[in-house]
């Protein structure tokens, strides 16, 4: 009998993946490593990893190109992207609609967050071609090119573009993370949308999802080699998230004084699974994203949600849910 090889998976370290990385939750014959996004993505694309965390837009592109990848409906990273739109107080920009005709910097035109940012702009009557776009990272795939009517300029920048905003090279930033800034720089920047907490809550109440920006991609060769791999991966991620939910319920495990209030509010707004996995739970969101990426000229053909996952992944039933409270002396994950 031939011994099965140990496969390799790379994901970022989150509370919901920590148990997989430290081995508290095991996937059969799978070595799991914590890795930054670029390492994970390029590793699975090159074949160095069998499974890897990947931006959703990158996965859509590979799938539409007919490359040999599939995925499981597990979304390790989600963002309310509204919070990452910044300008200077002197620009007069007060709303997303005010960005029309302005110079806006993004990390990359084809990152997943940027599709959602542009969709929000379109809701305000601002089309992608109405903005002069600047990017501070080159696109990860040379085949990714914006529509002819859209102007993009590569401009290297530090601090996720903060230096370009503050020196006046651009009028606004649309990012996917909070930039590292000094106390002095903080006083020179403002969010375009005020009262961001309520903006995010209203987005969720309207759309019923928290924007997924990363997915777990799988090389088709690995699935061919091990047909049960999809179910094993789904179970592993589900068990790891369940453990994270249990730990999270003990607010004494964190250094946030108002954590109990935040946990209770999260449960009231999002329900007992605020970080949903599974095809059915995410089908409507994926359908909206596919609308946006198609309308913005990213894909040659309009994919459907069912095109993104093979049947075992679509049918897997995830069960992790957030309990009410926790054991008083539950130990944190090592």
Protein backbone atom coordinates (compact mmCIF):
# COMPACT_ATOMS: atom_id res chain seq x y z
CA UNK A 1 0.00 0.00 0.00
CA UNK A 2 1.42 3.36 -1.03
CA UNK A 3 1.70 5.85 1.81
CA UNK A 4 -0.20 9.09 1.21
CA UNK A 5 1.94 12.18 0.85
CA UNK A 6 1.55 15.08 3.23
CA UNK A 7 -0.11 17.97 1.46
CA UNK A 8 0.56 21.61 2.31
CA UNK A 9 -1.84 24.49 2.98
CA UNK A 10 -0.97 28.14 3.66
CA UNK A 11 -3.36 30.58 5.35
CA UNK A 12 -3.05 33.77 7.33
CA UNK A 13 -3.18 33.55 11.09
CA UNK A 14 -6.63 34.59 12.33
CA UNK A 15 -8.54 33.48 15.42
CA UNK A 16 -10.60 31.27 13.07
CA UNK A 17 -7.52 29.60 11.52
CA UNK A 18 -5.24 29.52 14.56
CA UNK A 19 -6.35 26.03 15.60
CA UNK A 20 -5.42 24.69 12.16
CA UNK A 21 -1.99 26.31 12.22
CA UNK A 22 -1.06 25.17 15.74
CA UNK A 23 -2.48 21.67 15.23
CA UNK A 24 -5.31 21.83 17.74
CA UNK A 25 -7.57 20.94 14.79
CA UNK A 26 -6.06 18.48 12.34
CA UNK A 27 -6.83 17.90 8.66
CA UNK A 28 -5.75 14.36 7.67
CA UNK A 29 -2.30 14.28 6.06
CA UNK A 30 -2.16 18.08 5.73
CA UNK A 31 0.60 20.38 6.95
CA UNK A 32 -0.85 23.84 7.65
CA UNK A 33 1.40 26.87 7.79
CA UNK A 34 0.70 30.48 8.63
CA UNK A 35 1.81 32.71 5.78
CA UNK A 36 1.31 36.29 4.56
CA UNK A 37 -1.08 36.75 1.63
CA UNK A 38 1.48 36.97 -1.18
CA UNK A 39 3.27 33.82 0.01
CA UNK A 40 0.02 31.90 0.20
CA UNK A 41 -1.31 33.07 -3.17
CA UNK A 42 1.85 32.67 -5.20
CA UNK A 43 2.58 29.37 -3.48
CA UNK A 44 -0.69 27.76 -4.49
CA UNK A 45 -0.58 29.31 -7.99
CA UNK A 46 2.93 27.97 -8.58
CA UNK A 47 2.12 24.54 -7.18
CA UNK A 48 4.34 24.79 -4.10
CA UNK A 49 1.19 24.52 -1.96
CA UNK A 50 -1.82 22.31 -2.57
CA UNK A 51 -4.23 24.67 -0.81
CA UNK A 52 -3.93 28.38 -0.12
CA UNK A 53 -5.80 31.46 0.97
CA UNK A 54 -6.38 33.71 -2.03
CA UNK A 55 -8.18 37.00 -2.81
CA UNK A 56 -11.64 36.23 -4.14
CA UNK A 57 -11.08 38.33 -7.28
CA UNK A 58 -7.88 36.45 -8.10
CA UNK A 59 -9.72 33.16 -7.75
CA UNK A 60 -12.56 34.34 -9.98
CA UNK A 61 -10.03 35.32 -12.63
CA UNK A 62 -8.25 31.96 -12.52
CA UNK A 63 -11.55 30.08 -12.60
CA UNK A 64 -12.86 32.11 -15.53
CA UNK A 65 -9.57 31.54 -17.37
CA UNK A 66 -10.15 27.80 -17.05
CA UNK A 67 -7.10 27.17 -14.91
CA UNK A 68 -7.03 24.03 -12.78
CA UNK A 69 -8.25 25.44 -9.47
CA UNK A 70 -11.31 24.92 -7.36
CA UNK A 71 -12.23 26.26 -3.91
CA UNK A 72 -14.21 25.60 -0.79
CA UNK A 73 -16.84 28.14 0.38
CA UNK A 74 -14.67 29.26 3.27
CA UNK A 75 -13.87 32.97 3.45
CA UNK A 76 -11.06 33.56 5.96
CA UNK A 77 -10.98 37.33 5.55
CA UNK A 78 -13.90 39.77 5.42
CA UNK A 79 -13.92 43.58 5.46
CA UNK A 80 -16.33 46.44 5.77
CA UNK A 81 -14.39 48.35 3.11
CA UNK A 82 -16.19 51.65 3.78
CA UNK A 83 -13.89 52.31 6.75
CA UNK A 84 -10.79 52.43 4.53
CA UNK A 85 -11.64 55.49 2.39
CA UNK A 86 -9.53 58.48 3.42
CA UNK A 87 -8.94 62.05 2.32
CA UNK A 88 -7.46 65.27 3.71
CA UNK A 89 -9.60 67.88 5.48
CA UNK A 90 -8.70 70.50 2.86
CA UNK A 91 -10.03 68.59 -0.19
CA UNK A 92 -13.69 69.34 0.49
CA UNK A 93 -14.53 65.67 -0.09
CA UNK A 94 -17.38 64.77 2.25
CA UNK A 95 -19.10 61.87 0.47
CA UNK A 96 -18.27 59.13 -2.01
CA UNK A 97 -20.06 61.16 -4.70
CA UNK A 98 -17.49 63.93 -4.19
CA UNK A 99 -14.78 61.62 -5.55
CA UNK A 100 -15.99 62.16 -9.12
CA UNK A 101 -13.18 63.73 -11.15
CA UNK A 102 -10.67 63.24 -8.34
CA UNK A 103 -7.37 61.36 -8.10
CA UNK A 104 -7.85 58.21 -6.05
CA UNK A 105 -5.13 55.79 -4.99
CA UNK A 106 -5.72 52.07 -4.44
CA UNK A 107 -3.27 49.26 -3.76
CA UNK A 108 -4.32 47.56 -6.99
CA UNK A 109 -7.19 48.13 -9.40
CA UNK A 110 -8.11 44.44 -9.35
CA UNK A 111 -8.00 43.69 -5.64
CA UNK A 112 -11.29 42.39 -4.28
CA UNK A 113 -11.91 45.40 -2.04
CA UNK A 114 -11.56 47.74 -5.02
CA UNK A 115 -14.46 46.06 -6.84
CA UNK A 116 -16.69 46.72 -3.84
CA UNK A 117 -15.41 50.29 -3.51
CA UNK A 118 -16.25 50.95 -7.17
CA UNK A 119 -19.66 49.35 -6.72
CA UNK A 120 -20.35 51.75 -3.85
CA UNK A 121 -19.21 54.64 -6.02
CA UNK A 122 -21.56 53.51 -8.79
CA UNK A 123 -24.44 53.55 -6.30
CA UNK A 124 -23.62 57.27 -5.91
CA UNK A 125 -23.56 57.88 -9.66
CA UNK A 126 -19.77 57.79 -10.01
CA UNK A 127 -18.48 55.46 -12.74
CA UNK A 128 -14.95 53.97 -12.78
CA UNK A 129 -14.00 56.15 -15.76
CA UNK A 130 -14.97 59.28 -13.79
CA UNK A 131 -11.88 58.90 -11.58
CA UNK A 132 -8.13 59.09 -12.19
CA UNK A 133 -6.90 55.91 -10.53
CA UNK A 134 -3.42 55.46 -9.07
CA UNK A 135 -2.02 52.15 -7.84
CA UNK A 136 0.99 51.60 -5.59
CA UNK A 137 1.32 47.85 -6.28
CA UNK A 138 1.59 46.31 -9.75
CA UNK A 139 -1.22 43.94 -10.66
CA UNK A 140 -0.45 40.38 -9.57
CA UNK A 141 -1.26 38.90 -12.97
CA UNK A 142 -0.08 40.59 -16.17
CA UNK A 143 -3.28 39.47 -17.91
CA UNK A 144 -5.36 41.74 -15.67
CA UNK A 145 -5.95 44.93 -17.60
CA UNK A 146 -8.60 47.63 -16.97
CA UNK A 147 -11.12 48.61 -19.64
CA UNK A 148 -9.79 51.08 -22.20
CA UNK A 149 -11.94 53.92 -20.87
CA UNK A 150 -10.48 53.60 -17.37
CA UNK A 151 -7.25 55.48 -16.62
CA UNK A 152 -4.82 53.90 -14.14
CA UNK A 153 -1.31 55.07 -13.27
CA UNK A 154 1.28 53.16 -11.27
CA UNK A 155 2.80 55.36 -8.56
CA UNK A 156 4.96 53.77 -5.83
CA UNK A 157 4.00 54.90 -2.34
CA UNK A 158 4.84 54.23 1.29
CA UNK A 159 2.48 53.59 4.21
CA UNK A 160 -0.24 52.19 1.93
CA UNK A 161 -0.38 55.45 0.00
CA UNK A 162 -0.49 57.82 2.99
CA UNK A 163 2.61 59.68 1.82
CA UNK A 164 0.98 60.36 -1.58
CA UNK A 165 -2.21 61.59 0.02
CA UNK A 166 -0.42 63.94 2.39
CA UNK A 167 1.95 65.38 -0.24
CA UNK A 168 -1.02 66.19 -2.48
CA UNK A 169 -0.28 63.68 -5.24
CA UNK A 170 -3.75 62.18 -4.81
CA UNK A 171 -6.99 63.38 -3.28
CA UNK A 172 -8.15 60.19 -1.59
CA UNK A 173 -7.19 56.64 -0.69
CA UNK A 174 -9.37 53.55 -1.04
CA UNK A 175 -7.62 50.79 0.88
CA UNK A 176 -8.23 47.35 2.34
CA UNK A 177 -6.54 47.95 5.69
CA UNK A 178 -5.88 50.64 8.26
CA UNK A 179 -2.63 52.31 7.19
CA UNK A 180 0.29 52.62 9.62
CA UNK A 181 0.48 56.31 10.50
CA UNK A 182 2.02 58.60 13.09
CA UNK A 183 0.01 60.67 15.55
CA UNK A 184 0.81 63.77 13.50
CA UNK A 185 -0.36 62.13 10.27
CA UNK A 186 -3.59 61.06 11.97
CA UNK A 187 -4.54 64.72 12.40
CA UNK A 188 -4.02 65.32 8.65
CA UNK A 189 -6.37 62.56 7.46
CA UNK A 190 -10.09 61.97 7.75
CA UNK A 191 -12.44 59.23 6.63
CA UNK A 192 -14.63 60.26 3.72
CA UNK A 193 -17.66 58.70 5.39
CA UNK A 194 -18.32 59.89 8.92
CA UNK A 195 -19.92 57.85 11.72
CA UNK A 196 -18.37 54.79 10.14
CA UNK A 197 -19.79 52.39 12.71
CA UNK A 198 -23.34 53.19 11.69
CA UNK A 199 -22.39 53.17 7.99
CA UNK A 200 -21.18 49.60 8.39
CA UNK A 201 -24.18 48.48 10.42
CA UNK A 202 -26.56 49.92 7.84
CA UNK A 203 -24.64 48.20 5.04
CA UNK A 204 -25.12 44.88 6.79
CA UNK A 205 -28.81 45.49 7.50
CA UNK A 206 -29.36 46.29 3.82
CA UNK A 207 -27.17 43.66 2.17
CA UNK A 208 -27.15 40.91 4.84
CA UNK A 209 -23.47 40.12 4.44
CA UNK A 210 -20.04 41.21 5.60
CA UNK A 211 -17.85 41.52 2.49
CA UNK A 212 -15.66 38.46 1.85
CA UNK A 213 -12.28 39.35 0.35
CA UNK A 214 -10.40 36.03 0.65
CA UNK A 215 -11.31 32.45 -0.20
CA UNK A 216 -9.59 29.07 0.22
CA UNK A 217 -8.39 27.88 -3.19
CA UNK A 218 -7.42 24.29 -3.96
CA UNK A 219 -5.34 22.95 -6.82
CA UNK A 220 -7.46 20.58 -8.90
CA UNK A 221 -4.55 18.13 -9.03
CA UNK A 222 -4.76 17.79 -5.24
CA UNK A 223 -8.48 16.99 -5.41
CA UNK A 224 -7.86 14.46 -8.18
CA UNK A 225 -5.21 12.85 -6.03
CA UNK A 226 -7.39 12.83 -2.90
CA UNK A 227 -11.14 12.96 -3.71
CA UNK A 228 -12.11 13.36 -0.03
CA UNK A 229 -9.94 16.48 0.30
CA UNK A 230 -12.82 18.95 -0.13
CA UNK A 231 -14.82 17.46 2.75
CA UNK A 232 -11.70 17.20 4.94
CA UNK A 233 -10.90 20.88 4.36
CA UNK A 234 -14.45 22.01 5.04
CA UNK A 235 -14.60 20.06 8.28
CA UNK A 236 -11.23 21.37 9.42
CA UNK A 237 -12.13 25.01 8.85
CA UNK A 238 -15.54 24.51 10.46
CA UNK A 239 -14.04 22.91 13.58
CA UNK A 240 -11.38 25.61 13.86
CA UNK A 241 -13.99 28.37 13.64
CA UNK A 242 -16.17 26.65 16.26
CA UNK A 243 -13.22 26.60 18.65
CA UNK A 244 -12.52 30.29 17.95
CA UNK A 245 -16.15 31.12 18.68
CA UNK A 246 -15.93 29.32 22.03
CA UNK A 247 -12.78 31.17 23.03
CA UNK A 248 -14.14 34.50 21.82
CA UNK A 249 -17.18 34.16 24.07
CA UNK A 250 -14.99 34.58 27.12
CA UNK A 251 -14.40 38.33 27.01
CA UNK A 252 -11.71 37.99 29.71
CA UNK A 253 -9.36 36.48 27.12
CA UNK A 254 -8.86 39.86 25.43
CA UNK A 255 -7.54 43.25 26.56
CA UNK A 256 -10.59 45.13 25.26
CA UNK A 257 -12.55 46.50 28.26
CA UNK A 258 -15.85 46.72 26.35
CA UNK A 259 -15.50 43.31 24.69
CA UNK A 260 -18.65 41.80 26.26
CA UNK A 261 -20.76 44.68 24.96
CA UNK A 262 -19.24 44.29 21.50
CA UNK A 263 -19.78 40.51 21.46
CA UNK A 264 -23.40 40.89 22.50
CA UNK A 265 -24.02 43.58 19.87
CA UNK A 266 -22.35 41.43 17.20
CA UNK A 267 -24.55 38.47 18.04
CA UNK A 268 -27.69 40.62 18.02
CA UNK A 269 -26.90 42.06 14.56
CA UNK A 270 -25.23 39.10 12.83
CA UNK A 271 -26.77 36.13 14.60
CA UNK A 272 -24.90 33.16 16.02
CA UNK A 273 -22.59 32.76 12.99
CA UNK A 274 -21.17 36.20 12.21
CA UNK A 275 -18.46 34.72 9.97
CA UNK A 276 -20.45 32.35 7.74
CA UNK A 277 -18.96 29.58 5.64
CA UNK A 278 -20.88 27.48 3.13
CA UNK A 279 -22.32 27.81 -0.35
CA UNK A 280 -25.91 28.58 0.59
CA UNK A 281 -24.91 31.18 3.19
CA UNK A 282 -22.73 33.06 0.69
CA UNK A 283 -24.49 32.47 -2.64
CA UNK A 284 -26.28 35.84 -2.71
CA UNK A 285 -23.06 37.71 -1.91
CA UNK A 286 -21.09 35.87 -4.59
CA UNK A 287 -23.85 36.62 -7.09
CA UNK A 288 -23.60 40.35 -6.33
CA UNK A 289 -19.81 40.27 -6.60
CA UNK A 290 -20.03 38.50 -9.95
CA UNK A 291 -22.41 41.23 -11.12
CA UNK A 292 -19.88 43.88 -10.13
CA UNK A 293 -16.78 42.25 -11.58
CA UNK A 294 -18.58 41.58 -14.86
CA UNK A 295 -19.99 45.09 -15.10
CA UNK A 296 -16.52 46.51 -14.39
CA UNK A 297 -14.98 44.57 -17.28
CA UNK A 298 -12.92 42.13 -15.24
CA UNK A 299 -14.24 38.85 -16.66
CA UNK A 300 -14.91 37.87 -20.25
CA UNK A 301 -18.02 35.94 -19.29
CA UNK A 302 -20.46 36.30 -16.44
CA UNK A 303 -19.89 33.42 -14.03
CA UNK A 304 -22.60 32.07 -11.73
CA UNK A 305 -22.07 31.21 -8.04
CA UNK A 306 -22.38 27.50 -8.83
CA UNK A 307 -19.46 27.85 -11.26
CA UNK A 308 -17.11 28.66 -8.38
CA UNK A 309 -17.37 25.42 -6.39
CA UNK A 310 -17.56 21.74 -7.22
CA UNK A 311 -20.51 19.71 -5.96
CA UNK A 312 -18.94 18.37 -2.72
CA UNK A 313 -18.07 21.92 -1.66
CA UNK A 314 -21.55 23.24 -2.51
CA UNK A 315 -23.24 20.47 -0.52
CA UNK A 316 -21.10 20.52 2.61
CA UNK A 317 -23.08 21.61 5.69
CA UNK A 318 -21.13 23.84 8.05
CA UNK A 319 -22.34 23.86 11.65
CA UNK A 320 -20.10 26.17 13.72
CA UNK A 321 -22.14 28.65 15.76
CA UNK A 322 -21.38 31.09 18.54
CA UNK A 323 -22.57 29.85 21.95
CA UNK A 324 -24.08 31.98 24.69
CA UNK A 325 -21.26 32.68 27.10
CA UNK A 326 -18.40 30.32 27.92
CA UNK A 327 -16.87 28.26 30.66
CA UNK A 328 -15.44 30.73 33.21
CA UNK A 329 -11.88 29.39 33.02
CA UNK A 330 -11.63 28.31 29.41
CA UNK A 331 -8.02 28.44 28.32
CA UNK A 332 -6.99 30.37 25.24
CA UNK A 333 -5.64 28.54 22.22
CA UNK A 334 -1.86 28.00 22.57
